[in-house]
Amino acid sequence: MGIAALAVGAVPAAVSASVALTAPAWSGHPIAVDARTARLEALQRRTAVGPGPDAVRARHAVESPDLRAERRWRRFARAAIGAGCSRSVPYRCSCVAAPRSAC
């Protein structure tokens, strides 16, 4: 099971998820449960606008309970609604690398 699938299982009522790795670890490819969330993640990467980039910059969750009423990221909201998403709850989490000897 991949990390994005684990995220779906951890969030009540979630049907899809993506995980974006930030520099220096980011490979340039979003990790997503399905093509829908991969496209939305790619849009945020190209434009640097959306709930994901805002969560990374703010260092806390940036929720949009109703994307139909969202005004902060209109392009993202339109794309998400078109993809069948109605809500967005991105948050930033940090990972600390394990010592090389532990790998």
PDB file of N, CA and C in Angstrom:
ATOM      1  N   MET A   1       0.851  -1.177   0.000  1.00  0.00           N
ATOM      2  CA  MET A   1       0.000   0.000   0.000  1.00  0.00           C
ATOM      3  C   MET A   1       0.895   1.239   0.000  1.00  0.00           C
ATOM      4  N   GLY A   2       0.577   2.198  -0.866  1.00  0.00           N
ATOM      5  CA  GLY A   2       1.376   3.406  -0.984  1.00  0.00           C
ATOM      6  C   GLY A   2       0.997   4.464   0.040  1.00  0.00           C
ATOM      7  N   ILE A   3       1.839   5.469   0.135  1.00  0.00           N
ATOM      8  CA  ILE A   3       1.645   6.523   1.122  1.00  0.00           C
ATOM      9  C   ILE A   3       0.353   7.305   0.888  1.00  0.00           C
ATOM     10  N   ALA A   4      -0.009   7.561  -0.376  1.00  0.00           N
ATOM     11  CA  ALA A   4      -1.246   8.298  -0.653  1.00  0.00           C
ATOM     12  C   ALA A   4      -2.465   7.461  -0.260  1.00  0.00           C
ATOM     13  N   ALA A   5      -2.427   6.165  -0.509  1.00  0.00           N
ATOM     14  CA  ALA A   5      -3.532   5.295  -0.098  1.00  0.00           C
ATOM     15  C   ALA A   5      -3.660   5.252   1.417  1.00  0.00           C
ATOM     16  N   LEU A   6      -2.543   5.263   2.114  1.00  0.00           N
ATOM     17  CA  LEU A   6      -2.583   5.309   3.581  1.00  0.00           C
ATOM     18  C   LEU A   6      -3.217   6.615   4.056  1.00  0.00           C
ATOM     19  N   ALA A   7      -2.936   7.713   3.363  1.00  0.00           N
ATOM     20  CA  ALA A   7      -3.533   9.000   3.727  1.00  0.00           C
ATOM     21  C   ALA A   7      -5.049   8.953   3.585  1.00  0.00           C
ATOM     22  N   VAL A   8      -5.548   8.323   2.527  1.00  0.00           N
ATOM     23  CA  VAL A   8      -7.002   8.200   2.345  1.00  0.00           C
ATOM     24  C   VAL A   8      -7.601   7.436   3.512  1.00  0.00           C
ATOM     25  N   GLY A   9      -6.962   6.352   3.924  1.00  0.00           N
ATOM     26  CA  GLY A   9      -7.472   5.555   5.029  1.00  0.00           C
ATOM     27  C   GLY A   9      -7.427   6.268   6.363  1.00  0.00           C
ATOM     28  N   ALA A  10      -6.547   7.247   6.486  1.00  0.00           N
ATOM     29  CA  ALA A  10      -6.390   7.950   7.761  1.00  0.00           C
ATOM     30  C   ALA A  10      -7.340   9.128   7.930  1.00  0.00           C
ATOM     31  N   VAL A  11      -7.942   9.573   6.835  1.00  0.00           N
ATOM     32  CA  VAL A  11      -8.816  10.750   6.893  1.00  0.00           C
ATOM     33  C   VAL A  11     -10.259  10.304   6.692  1.00  0.00           C
ATOM     34  N   PRO A  12     -11.110  10.482   7.696  1.00  0.00           N
ATOM     35  CA  PRO A  12     -12.498  10.068   7.557  1.00  0.00           C
ATOM     36  C   PRO A  12     -13.172  10.736   6.356  1.00  0.00           C
ATOM     37  N   ALA A  13     -13.915   9.971   5.598  1.00  0.00           N
ATOM     38  CA  ALA A  13     -14.683  10.419   4.436  1.00  0.00           C
ATOM     39  C   ALA A  13     -13.825  10.782   3.232  1.00  0.00           C
ATOM     40  N   ALA A  14     -12.517  10.596   3.292  1.00  0.00           N
ATOM     41  CA  ALA A  14     -11.663  10.885   2.131  1.00  0.00           C
ATOM     42  C   ALA A  14     -11.854   9.803   1.085  1.00  0.00           C
ATOM     43  N   VAL A  15     -11.891  10.213  -0.165  1.00  0.00           N
ATOM     44  CA  VAL A  15     -12.006   9.257  -1.263  1.00  0.00           C
ATOM     45  C   VAL A  15     -10.768   9.271  -2.151  1.00  0.00           C
ATOM     46  N   SER A  16      -9.917  10.264  -1.987  1.00  0.00           N
ATOM     47  CA  SER A  16      -8.708  10.360  -2.786  1.00  0.00           C
ATOM     48  C   SER A  16      -7.686  11.200  -2.030  1.00  0.00           C
ATOM     49  N   ALA A  17      -6.424  11.069  -2.415  1.00  0.00           N
ATOM     50  CA  ALA A  17      -5.375  11.847  -1.757  1.00  0.00           C
ATOM     51  C   ALA A  17      -4.150  11.909  -2.645  1.00  0.00           C
ATOM     52  N   SER A  18      -3.346  12.918  -2.382  1.00  0.00           N
ATOM     53  CA  SER A  18      -2.043  13.004  -3.032  1.00  0.00           C
ATOM     54  C   SER A  18      -1.035  13.440  -1.978  1.00  0.00           C
ATOM     55  N   VAL A  19       0.204  13.155  -2.256  1.00  0.00           N
ATOM     56  CA  VAL A  19       1.288  13.546  -1.365  1.00  0.00           C
ATOM     57  C   VAL A  19       2.306  14.277  -2.225  1.00  0.00           C
ATOM     58  N   ALA A  20       2.675  15.473  -1.815  1.00  0.00           N
ATOM     59  CA  ALA A  20       3.669  16.253  -2.543  1.00  0.00           C
ATOM     60  C   ALA A  20       4.934  16.340  -1.710  1.00  0.00           C
ATOM     61  N   LEU A  21       6.025  15.907  -2.271  1.00  0.00           N
ATOM     62  CA  LEU A  21       7.301  16.010  -1.590  1.00  0.00           C
ATOM     63  C   LEU A  21       7.943  17.323  -1.994  1.00  0.00           C
ATOM     64  N   THR A  22       8.484  18.041  -1.037  1.00  0.00           N
ATOM     65  CA  THR A  22       9.102  19.325  -1.335  1.00  0.00           C
ATOM     66  C   THR A  22      10.611  19.175  -1.404  1.00  0.00           C
ATOM     67  N   ALA A  23      11.249  20.145  -2.008  1.00  0.00           N
ATOM     68  CA  ALA A  23      12.698  20.124  -2.199  1.00  0.00           C
ATOM     69  C   ALA A  23      13.396  19.931  -0.873  1.00  0.00           C
ATOM     70  N   PRO A  24      14.497  19.225  -0.818  1.00  0.00           N
ATOM     71  CA  PRO A  24      15.222  18.673  -1.950  1.00  0.00           C
ATOM     72  C   PRO A  24      14.756  17.276  -2.360  1.00  0.00           C
ATOM     73  N   ALA A  25      13.808  16.698  -1.666  1.00  0.00           N
ATOM     74  CA  ALA A  25      13.404  15.317  -1.956  1.00  0.00           C
ATOM     75  C   ALA A  25      12.462  15.184  -3.146  1.00  0.00           C
ATOM     76  N   TRP A  26      11.819  16.264  -3.560  1.00  0.00           N
ATOM     77  CA  TRP A  26      10.781  16.155  -4.587  1.00  0.00           C
ATOM     78  C   TRP A  26      11.345  15.647  -5.898  1.00  0.00           C
ATOM     79  N   SER A  27      10.733  14.630  -6.440  1.00  0.00           N
ATOM     80  CA  SER A  27      11.186  14.012  -7.683  1.00  0.00           C
ATOM     81  C   SER A  27      10.564  14.658  -8.903  1.00  0.00           C
ATOM     82  N   GLY A  28       9.586  15.524  -8.710  1.00  0.00           N
ATOM     83  CA  GLY A  28       8.908  16.127  -9.844  1.00  0.00           C
ATOM     84  C   GLY A  28       7.616  15.414 -10.197  1.00  0.00           C
ATOM     85  N   HIS A  29       7.328  14.323  -9.526  1.00  0.00           N
ATOM     86  CA  HIS A  29       6.114  13.559  -9.799  1.00  0.00           C
ATOM     87  C   HIS A  29       5.266  13.481  -8.536  1.00  0.00           C
ATOM     88  N   PRO A  30       3.995  13.913  -8.621  1.00  0.00           N
ATOM     89  CA  PRO A  30       3.140  13.791  -7.438  1.00  0.00           C
ATOM     90  C   PRO A  30       2.833  12.326  -7.157  1.00  0.00           C
ATOM     91  N   ILE A  31       2.667  12.019  -5.907  1.00  0.00           N
ATOM     92  CA  ILE A  31       2.278  10.674  -5.486  1.00  0.00           C
ATOM     93  C   ILE A  31       0.788  10.768  -5.194  1.00  0.00           C
ATOM     94  N   ALA A  32      -0.017  10.077  -5.993  1.00  0.00           N
ATOM     95  CA  ALA A  32      -1.460  10.232  -5.876  1.00  0.00           C
ATOM     96  C   ALA A  32      -2.164   8.886  -5.932  1.00  0.00           C
ATOM     97  N   VAL A  33      -3.351   8.840  -5.348  1.00  0.00           N
ATOM     98  CA  VAL A  33      -4.162   7.630  -5.363  1.00  0.00           C
ATOM     99  C   VAL A  33      -4.701   7.369  -6.765  1.00  0.00           C
ATOM    100  N   ASP A  34      -5.042   8.431  -7.482  1.00  0.00           N
ATOM    101  CA  ASP A  34      -5.634   8.268  -8.803  1.00  0.00           C
ATOM    102  C   ASP A  34      -5.231   9.422  -9.723  1.00  0.00           C
ATOM    103  N   ALA A  35      -5.602   9.322 -10.982  1.00  0.00           N
ATOM    104  CA  ALA A  35      -5.247  10.337 -11.977  1.00  0.00           C
ATOM    105  C   ALA A  35      -5.850  11.696 -11.637  1.00  0.00           C
ATOM    106  N   ARG A  36      -7.021  11.693 -11.049  1.00  0.00           N
ATOM    107  CA  ARG A  36      -7.691  12.952 -10.688  1.00  0.00           C
ATOM    108  C   ARG A  36      -6.824  13.768  -9.733  1.00  0.00           C
ATOM    109  N   THR A  37      -6.371  13.165  -8.672  1.00  0.00           N
ATOM    110  CA  THR A  37      -5.566  13.917  -7.709  1.00  0.00           C
ATOM    111  C   THR A  37      -4.173  14.202  -8.253  1.00  0.00           C
ATOM    112  N   ALA A  38      -3.660  13.354  -9.126  1.00  0.00           N
ATOM    113  CA  ALA A  38      -2.367  13.632  -9.757  1.00  0.00           C
ATOM    114  C   ALA A  38      -2.459  14.901 -10.604  1.00  0.00           C
ATOM    115  N   ARG A  39      -3.548  15.066 -11.352  1.00  0.00           N
ATOM    116  CA  ARG A  39      -3.727  16.278 -12.162  1.00  0.00           C
ATOM    117  C   ARG A  39      -3.854  17.513 -11.283  1.00  0.00           C
ATOM    118  N   LEU A  40      -4.582  17.408 -10.193  1.00  0.00           N
ATOM    119  CA  LEU A  40      -4.736  18.561  -9.296  1.00  0.00           C
ATOM    120  C   LEU A  40      -3.409  18.912  -8.628  1.00  0.00           C
ATOM    121  N   GLU A  41      -2.644  17.918  -8.251  1.00  0.00           N
ATOM    122  CA  GLU A  41      -1.328  18.167  -7.658  1.00  0.00           C
ATOM    123  C   GLU A  41      -0.401  18.817  -8.687  1.00  0.00           C
ATOM    124  N   ALA A  42      -0.440  18.330  -9.922  1.00  0.00           N
ATOM    125  CA  ALA A  42       0.398  18.899 -10.980  1.00  0.00           C
ATOM    126  C   ALA A  42       0.022  20.356 -11.248  1.00  0.00           C
ATOM    127  N   LEU A  43      -1.259  20.680 -11.220  1.00  0.00           N
ATOM    128  CA  LEU A  43      -1.705  22.064 -11.409  1.00  0.00           C
ATOM    129  C   LEU A  43      -1.114  22.966 -10.325  1.00  0.00           C
ATOM    130  N   GLN A  44      -1.145  22.511  -9.099  1.00  0.00           N
ATOM    131  CA  GLN A  44      -0.584  23.302  -7.998  1.00  0.00           C
ATOM    132  C   GLN A  44       0.930  23.466  -8.157  1.00  0.00           C
ATOM    133  N   ARG A  45       1.602  22.431  -8.638  1.00  0.00           N
ATOM    134  CA  ARG A  45       3.048  22.515  -8.856  1.00  0.00           C
ATOM    135  C   ARG A  45       3.373  23.529  -9.948  1.00  0.00           C
ATOM    136  N   ARG A  46       2.597  23.503 -11.038  1.00  0.00           N
ATOM    137  CA  ARG A  46       2.855  24.425 -12.158  1.00  0.00           C
ATOM    138  C   ARG A  46       2.595  25.873 -11.786  1.00  0.00           C
ATOM    139  N   THR A  47       1.526  26.123 -11.030  1.00  0.00           N
ATOM    140  CA  THR A  47       1.112  27.497 -10.737  1.00  0.00           C
ATOM    141  C   THR A  47       1.582  28.014  -9.382  1.00  0.00           C
ATOM    142  N   ALA A  48       1.999  27.124  -8.498  1.00  0.00           N
ATOM    143  CA  ALA A  48       2.376  27.476  -7.113  1.00  0.00           C
ATOM    144  C   ALA A  48       1.210  28.128  -6.384  1.00  0.00           C
ATOM    145  N   VAL A  49      -0.007  27.810  -6.819  1.00  0.00           N
ATOM    146  CA  VAL A  49      -1.216  28.361  -6.219  1.00  0.00           C
ATOM    147  C   VAL A  49      -2.162  27.215  -5.896  1.00  0.00           C
ATOM    148  N   GLY A  50      -2.677  27.229  -4.688  1.00  0.00           N
ATOM    149  CA  GLY A  50      -3.640  26.211  -4.279  1.00  0.00           C
ATOM    150  C   GLY A  50      -3.476  25.909  -2.806  1.00  0.00           C
ATOM    151  N   PRO A  51      -4.295  25.032  -2.299  1.00  0.00           N
ATOM    152  CA  PRO A  51      -4.233  24.730  -0.872  1.00  0.00           C
ATOM    153  C   PRO A  51      -2.939  24.041  -0.458  1.00  0.00           C
ATOM    154  N   GLY A  52      -2.375  23.214  -1.320  1.00  0.00           N
ATOM    155  CA  GLY A  52      -1.114  22.548  -0.985  1.00  0.00           C
ATOM    156  C   GLY A  52       0.032  23.526  -0.806  1.00  0.00           C
ATOM    157  N   PRO A  53       0.311  24.363  -1.819  1.00  0.00           N
ATOM    158  CA  PRO A  53       1.381  25.350  -1.640  1.00  0.00           C
ATOM    159  C   PRO A  53       1.136  26.290  -0.467  1.00  0.00           C
ATOM    160  N   ASP A  54      -0.123  26.676  -0.244  1.00  0.00           N
ATOM    161  CA  ASP A  54      -0.418  27.533   0.910  1.00  0.00           C
ATOM    162  C   ASP A  54      -0.105  26.831   2.221  1.00  0.00           C
ATOM    163  N   ALA A  55      -0.417  25.537   2.315  1.00  0.00           N
ATOM    164  CA  ALA A  55      -0.137  24.782   3.539  1.00  0.00           C
ATOM    165  C   ALA A  55       1.366  24.670   3.782  1.00  0.00           C
ATOM    166  N   VAL A  56       2.134  24.485   2.723  1.00  0.00           N
ATOM    167  CA  VAL A  56       3.588  24.402   2.875  1.00  0.00           C
ATOM    168  C   VAL A  56       4.135  25.740   3.360  1.00  0.00           C
ATOM    169  N   ARG A  57       3.687  26.826   2.737  1.00  0.00           N
ATOM    170  CA  ARG A  57       4.178  28.154   3.139  1.00  0.00           C
ATOM    171  C   ARG A  57       3.736  28.523   4.557  1.00  0.00           C
ATOM    172  N   ALA A  58       2.482  28.213   4.897  1.00  0.00           N
ATOM    173  CA  ALA A  58       1.939  28.587   6.208  1.00  0.00           C
ATOM    174  C   ALA A  58       2.407  27.653   7.324  1.00  0.00           C
ATOM    175  N   ARG A  59       2.843  26.446   6.943  1.00  0.00           N
ATOM    176  CA  ARG A  59       3.273  25.429   7.910  1.00  0.00           C
ATOM    177  C   ARG A  59       2.145  24.957   8.822  1.00  0.00           C
ATOM    178  N   HIS A  60       0.919  24.988   8.285  1.00  0.00           N
ATOM    179  CA  HIS A  60      -0.231  24.432   8.993  1.00  0.00           C
ATOM    180  C   HIS A  60      -1.325  24.108   7.975  1.00  0.00           C
ATOM    181  N   ALA A  61      -2.348  23.417   8.427  1.00  0.00           N
ATOM    182  CA  ALA A  61      -3.448  23.038   7.542  1.00  0.00           C
ATOM    183  C   ALA A  61      -4.121  24.265   6.953  1.00  0.00           C
ATOM    184  N   VAL A  62      -4.517  24.150   5.686  1.00  0.00           N
ATOM    185  CA  VAL A  62      -5.230  25.219   4.990  1.00  0.00           C
ATOM    186  C   VAL A  62      -6.468  24.560   4.380  1.00  0.00           C
ATOM    187  N   GLU A  63      -7.565  24.648   5.079  1.00  0.00           N
ATOM    188  CA  GLU A  63      -8.772  23.922   4.690  1.00  0.00           C
ATOM    189  C   GLU A  63      -9.698  24.758   3.821  1.00  0.00           C
ATOM    190  N   SER A  64     -10.377  24.074   2.915  1.00  0.00           N
ATOM    191  CA  SER A  64     -11.456  24.683   2.144  1.00  0.00           C
ATOM    192  C   SER A  64     -12.648  23.731   2.239  1.00  0.00           C
ATOM    193  N   PRO A  65     -13.579  24.013   3.144  1.00  0.00           N
ATOM    194  CA  PRO A  65     -14.703  23.103   3.343  1.00  0.00           C
ATOM    195  C   PRO A  65     -15.674  23.048   2.167  1.00  0.00           C
ATOM    196  N   ASP A  66     -15.674  24.069   1.300  1.00  0.00           N
ATOM    197  CA  ASP A  66     -16.569  24.083   0.143  1.00  0.00           C
ATOM    198  C   ASP A  66     -15.853  24.762  -1.022  1.00  0.00           C
ATOM    199  N   LEU A  67     -15.297  23.960  -1.919  1.00  0.00           N
ATOM    200  CA  LEU A  67     -14.546  24.513  -3.044  1.00  0.00           C
ATOM    201  C   LEU A  67     -15.420  25.347  -3.979  1.00  0.00           C
ATOM    202  N   ARG A  68     -16.726  25.122  -3.950  1.00  0.00           N
ATOM    203  CA  ARG A  68     -17.613  25.935  -4.801  1.00  0.00           C
ATOM    204  C   ARG A  68     -17.631  27.389  -4.361  1.00  0.00           C
ATOM    205  N   ALA A  69     -17.330  27.644  -3.103  1.00  0.00           N
ATOM    206  CA  ALA A  69     -17.320  29.011  -2.568  1.00  0.00           C
ATOM    207  C   ALA A  69     -15.898  29.563  -2.402  1.00  0.00           C
ATOM    208  N   GLU A  70     -14.907  28.798  -2.808  1.00  0.00           N
ATOM    209  CA  GLU A  70     -13.509  29.180  -2.598  1.00  0.00           C
ATOM    210  C   GLU A  70     -13.096  30.349  -3.486  1.00  0.00           C
ATOM    211  N   ARG A  71     -12.453  31.351  -2.894  1.00  0.00           N
ATOM    212  CA  ARG A  71     -12.002  32.529  -3.638  1.00  0.00           C
ATOM    213  C   ARG A  71     -10.481  32.689  -3.637  1.00  0.00           C
ATOM    214  N   ARG A  72      -9.780  31.917  -2.798  1.00  0.00           N
ATOM    215  CA  ARG A  72      -8.318  32.064  -2.728  1.00  0.00           C
ATOM    216  C   ARG A  72      -7.618  31.475  -3.946  1.00  0.00           C
ATOM    217  N   TRP A  73      -8.127  30.361  -4.449  1.00  0.00           N
ATOM    218  CA  TRP A  73      -7.474  29.651  -5.549  1.00  0.00           C
ATOM    219  C   TRP A  73      -8.539  29.272  -6.568  1.00  0.00           C
ATOM    220  N   ARG A  74      -9.021  30.228  -7.290  1.00  0.00           N
ATOM    221  CA  ARG A  74     -10.153  30.006  -8.203  1.00  0.00           C
ATOM    222  C   ARG A  74      -9.856  28.973  -9.278  1.00  0.00           C
ATOM    223  N   ARG A  75      -8.675  29.025  -9.871  1.00  0.00           N
ATOM    224  CA  ARG A  75      -8.341  28.054 -10.924  1.00  0.00           C
ATOM    225  C   ARG A  75      -8.303  26.638 -10.350  1.00  0.00           C
ATOM    226  N   PHE A  76      -7.649  26.479  -9.211  1.00  0.00           N
ATOM    227  CA  PHE A  76      -7.601  25.166  -8.574  1.00  0.00           C
ATOM    228  C   PHE A  76      -9.005  24.696  -8.211  1.00  0.00           C
ATOM    229  N   ALA A  77      -9.807  25.594  -7.625  1.00  0.00           N
ATOM    230  CA  ALA A  77     -11.165  25.222  -7.208  1.00  0.00           C
ATOM    231  C   ALA A  77     -11.992  24.755  -8.402  1.00  0.00           C
ATOM    232  N   ARG A  78     -11.906  25.470  -9.511  1.00  0.00           N
ATOM    233  CA  ARG A  78     -12.661  25.059 -10.711  1.00  0.00           C
ATOM    234  C   ARG A  78     -12.214  23.680 -11.193  1.00  0.00           C
ATOM    235  N   ALA A  79     -10.903  23.455 -11.212  1.00  0.00           N
ATOM    236  CA  ALA A  79     -10.378  22.160 -11.651  1.00  0.00           C
ATOM    237  C   ALA A  79     -10.807  21.049 -10.694  1.00  0.00           C
ATOM    238  N   ALA A  80     -10.742  21.318  -9.401  1.00  0.00           N
ATOM    239  CA  ALA A  80     -11.125  20.310  -8.403  1.00  0.00           C
ATOM    240  C   ALA A  80     -12.611  19.974  -8.500  1.00  0.00           C
ATOM    241  N   ILE A  81     -13.435  20.989  -8.639  1.00  0.00           N
ATOM    242  CA  ILE A  81     -14.877  20.754  -8.775  1.00  0.00           C
ATOM    243  C   ILE A  81     -15.153  19.952 -10.044  1.00  0.00           C
ATOM    244  N   GLY A  82     -14.470  20.315 -11.129  1.00  0.00           N
ATOM    245  CA  GLY A  82     -14.618  19.573 -12.378  1.00  0.00           C
ATOM    246  C   GLY A  82     -14.193  18.124 -12.266  1.00  0.00           C
ATOM    247  N   ALA A  83     -13.269  17.850 -11.350  1.00  0.00           N
ATOM    248  CA  ALA A  83     -12.787  16.482 -11.129  1.00  0.00           C
ATOM    249  C   ALA A  83     -13.640  15.729 -10.107  1.00  0.00           C
ATOM    250  N   GLY A  84     -14.660  16.399  -9.573  1.00  0.00           N
ATOM    251  CA  GLY A  84     -15.552  15.740  -8.629  1.00  0.00           C
ATOM    252  C   GLY A  84     -15.188  15.935  -7.167  1.00  0.00           C
ATOM    253  N   CYS A  85     -14.282  16.851  -6.878  1.00  0.00           N
ATOM    254  CA  CYS A  85     -13.906  17.126  -5.488  1.00  0.00           C
ATOM    255  C   CYS A  85     -14.713  18.307  -4.972  1.00  0.00           C
ATOM    256  N   SER A  86     -15.130  18.243  -3.733  1.00  0.00           N
ATOM    257  CA  SER A  86     -15.909  19.343  -3.164  1.00  0.00           C
ATOM    258  C   SER A  86     -15.225  19.995  -1.967  1.00  0.00           C
ATOM    259  N   ARG A  87     -14.178  19.353  -1.444  1.00  0.00           N
ATOM    260  CA  ARG A  87     -13.520  19.837  -0.237  1.00  0.00           C
ATOM    261  C   ARG A  87     -12.033  19.545  -0.316  1.00  0.00           C
ATOM    262  N   SER A  88     -11.228  20.397   0.281  1.00  0.00           N
ATOM    263  CA  SER A  88      -9.786  20.191   0.293  1.00  0.00           C
ATOM    264  C   SER A  88      -9.256  20.427   1.700  1.00  0.00           C
ATOM    265  N   VAL A  89      -8.429  19.500   2.168  1.00  0.00           N
ATOM    266  CA  VAL A  89      -7.846  19.626   3.501  1.00  0.00           C
ATOM    267  C   VAL A  89      -6.355  19.257   3.426  1.00  0.00           C
ATOM    268  N   PRO A  90      -5.543  20.131   2.840  1.00  0.00           N
ATOM    269  CA  PRO A  90      -4.112  19.823   2.811  1.00  0.00           C
ATOM    270  C   PRO A  90      -3.437  20.248   4.104  1.00  0.00           C
ATOM    271  N   TYR A  91      -2.401  19.556   4.446  1.00  0.00           N
ATOM    272  CA  TYR A  91      -1.619  19.955   5.602  1.00  0.00           C
ATOM    273  C   TYR A  91      -0.165  19.591   5.356  1.00  0.00           C
ATOM    274  N   ARG A  92       0.680  20.279   6.038  1.00  0.00           N
ATOM    275  CA  ARG A  92       2.114  20.074   5.897  1.00  0.00           C
ATOM    276  C   ARG A  92       2.568  19.131   7.003  1.00  0.00           C
ATOM    277  N   CYS A  93       3.378  18.159   6.642  1.00  0.00           N
ATOM    278  CA  CYS A  93       3.994  17.330   7.661  1.00  0.00           C
ATOM    279  C   CYS A  93       5.471  17.208   7.331  1.00  0.00           C
ATOM    280  N   SER A  94       6.257  17.077   8.329  1.00  0.00           N
ATOM    281  CA  SER A  94       7.701  16.999   8.151  1.00  0.00           C
ATOM    282  C   SER A  94       8.190  15.599   8.485  1.00  0.00           C
ATOM    283  N   CYS A  95       9.170  15.184   7.758  1.00  0.00           N
ATOM    284  CA  CYS A  95       9.808  13.896   8.018  1.00  0.00           C
ATOM    285  C   CYS A  95      11.285  14.136   8.247  1.00  0.00           C
ATOM    286  N   VAL A  96      11.806  13.436   9.194  1.00  0.00           N
ATOM    287  CA  VAL A  96      13.231  13.540   9.481  1.00  0.00           C
ATOM    288  C   VAL A  96      13.879  12.279   8.934  1.00  0.00           C
ATOM    289  N   ALA A  97      14.915  12.450   8.158  1.00  0.00           N
ATOM    290  CA  ALA A  97      15.586  11.310   7.543  1.00  0.00           C
ATOM    291  C   ALA A  97      16.225  10.431   8.611  1.00  0.00           C
ATOM    292  N   ALA A  98      16.149   9.150   8.371  1.00  0.00           N
ATOM    293  CA  ALA A  98      16.793   8.185   9.263  1.00  0.00           C
ATOM    294  C   ALA A  98      18.292   8.189   9.005  1.00  0.00           C
ATOM    295  N   PRO A  99      19.086   7.899  10.015  1.00  0.00           N
ATOM    296  CA  PRO A  99      20.518   7.785   9.785  1.00  0.00           C
ATOM    297  C   PRO A  99      20.785   6.727   8.708  1.00  0.00           C
ATOM    298  N   ARG A 100      21.803   6.919   7.907  1.00  0.00           N
ATOM    299  CA  ARG A 100      22.101   5.988   6.822  1.00  0.00           C
ATOM    300  C   ARG A 100      22.277   4.556   7.315  1.00  0.00           C
ATOM    301  N   SER A 101      22.807   4.383   8.477  1.00  0.00           N
ATOM    302  CA  SER A 101      23.030   3.030   8.988  1.00  0.00           C
ATOM    303  C   SER A 101      21.722   2.316   9.304  1.00  0.00           C
ATOM    304  N   ALA A 102      20.623   3.065   9.451  1.00  0.00           N
ATOM    305  CA  ALA A 102      19.352   2.438   9.794  1.00  0.00           C
ATOM    306  C   ALA A 102      18.574   2.013   8.558  1.00  0.00           C
ATOM    307  N   CYS A 103      19.037   2.373   7.370  1.00  0.00           N
ATOM    308  CA  CYS A 103      18.280   2.079   6.140  1.00  0.00           C
ATOM    309  C   CYS A 103      18.424   0.651   5.703  1.00  0.00           C
TER     310      CYS A 103
END
